[in-house]
């Protein structure tokens, strides 16, 4: 659902309730400005965040863990996807 800033201010209560079930996009001058989502959806998205680390920032212990890691049997089918892969 997409609404203007003025409409969002005027109908805050009902639109805030609507944002519990679907994102509400708030526009200003016809351009998307904000997206209102439920706290539950925000928490779900935050759990999906990933930490990006440069290779140089890994500790020796982390590098050893990566070097000694073995894939699970459930991931064996992924090897076929890399069979003829070249960088």
Protein backbone atom coordinates (compact mmCIF):
# COMPACT_ATOMS: atom_id res chain seq x y z
CA UNK A 1 0.00 0.00 0.00
CA UNK A 2 1.28 3.46 -0.90
CA UNK A 3 0.13 6.73 0.71
CA UNK A 4 1.26 10.34 0.78
CA UNK A 5 2.82 11.86 3.89
CA UNK A 6 -0.30 13.99 4.41
CA UNK A 7 -2.56 10.94 4.14
CA UNK A 8 -0.34 9.01 6.55
CA UNK A 9 -0.47 11.82 9.13
CA UNK A 10 -4.23 12.20 8.73
CA UNK A 11 -4.92 8.46 8.98
CA UNK A 12 -2.05 7.39 11.23
CA UNK A 13 -4.09 5.01 13.40
CA UNK A 14 -5.65 2.96 10.63
CA UNK A 15 -2.49 2.99 8.49
CA UNK A 16 -0.33 1.95 11.44
CA UNK A 17 -2.72 -0.97 11.96
CA UNK A 18 -2.51 -1.77 8.23
CA UNK A 19 1.31 -1.87 8.52
CA UNK A 20 0.94 -4.80 10.91
CA UNK A 21 -0.15 -6.96 8.00
CA UNK A 22 1.58 -5.35 5.01
CA UNK A 23 4.21 -2.69 4.34
CA UNK A 24 2.90 0.85 4.02
CA UNK A 25 5.00 3.05 1.72
CA UNK A 26 4.88 6.74 2.61
CA UNK A 27 5.63 9.12 -0.24
CA UNK A 28 6.64 12.76 -0.34
CA UNK A 29 6.25 14.73 -3.54
CA UNK A 30 5.41 11.47 -5.33
CA UNK A 31 8.62 9.73 -4.29
CA UNK A 32 8.92 6.81 -1.89
CA UNK A 33 10.32 8.10 1.38
CA UNK A 34 9.53 5.63 4.18
CA UNK A 35 8.29 2.11 4.56
CA UNK A 36 6.31 1.33 7.71
CA UNK A 37 6.40 -2.32 8.76
CA UNK A 38 5.48 -4.21 11.91
CA UNK A 39 8.04 -4.67 14.68
CA UNK A 40 7.78 -8.42 14.08
CA UNK A 41 8.70 -8.05 10.40
CA UNK A 42 11.53 -5.67 11.29
CA UNK A 43 12.92 -8.21 13.79
CA UNK A 44 12.67 -10.97 11.14
CA UNK A 45 14.59 -8.85 8.65
CA UNK A 46 17.24 -7.95 11.23
CA UNK A 47 17.82 -11.65 11.95
CA UNK A 48 18.67 -12.05 8.27
CA UNK A 49 21.37 -9.37 8.43
CA UNK A 50 24.82 -10.68 7.79
CA UNK A 51 28.10 -9.36 8.98
CA UNK A 52 30.53 -8.47 6.21
CA UNK A 53 34.17 -8.94 7.13
CA UNK A 54 37.24 -8.35 5.01
CA UNK A 55 39.52 -11.35 4.67
CA UNK A 56 42.29 -9.43 6.41
CA UNK A 57 40.05 -8.99 9.46
CA UNK A 58 39.62 -12.71 10.13
CA UNK A 59 41.56 -14.04 13.09
CA UNK A 60 43.91 -17.00 12.68
CA UNK A 61 41.42 -19.08 14.64
CA UNK A 62 38.58 -18.17 12.26
CA UNK A 63 40.76 -18.93 9.24
CA UNK A 64 41.60 -22.34 10.72
CA UNK A 65 37.92 -23.06 11.30
CA UNK A 66 37.15 -22.22 7.67
CA UNK A 67 40.09 -24.26 6.36
CA UNK A 68 39.01 -27.29 8.38
CA UNK A 69 35.29 -27.03 7.67
CA UNK A 70 33.56 -29.87 5.91
CA UNK A 71 30.20 -29.60 4.20
CA UNK A 72 27.27 -31.60 5.49
CA UNK A 73 25.99 -34.58 3.53
CA UNK A 74 22.87 -32.53 2.79
CA UNK A 75 24.98 -30.18 0.68
CA UNK A 76 26.65 -32.86 -1.45
CA UNK A 77 24.35 -32.09 -4.40
CA UNK A 78 25.87 -28.61 -4.61
CA UNK A 79 29.16 -30.13 -5.80
CA UNK A 80 27.50 -30.95 -9.12
CA UNK A 81 26.77 -27.25 -9.66
CA UNK A 82 30.50 -26.47 -9.37
CA UNK A 83 31.72 -29.41 -11.43
CA UNK A 84 33.05 -27.46 -14.44
CA UNK A 85 33.28 -24.05 -12.76
CA UNK A 86 36.28 -21.88 -13.56
CA UNK A 87 37.06 -18.48 -12.00
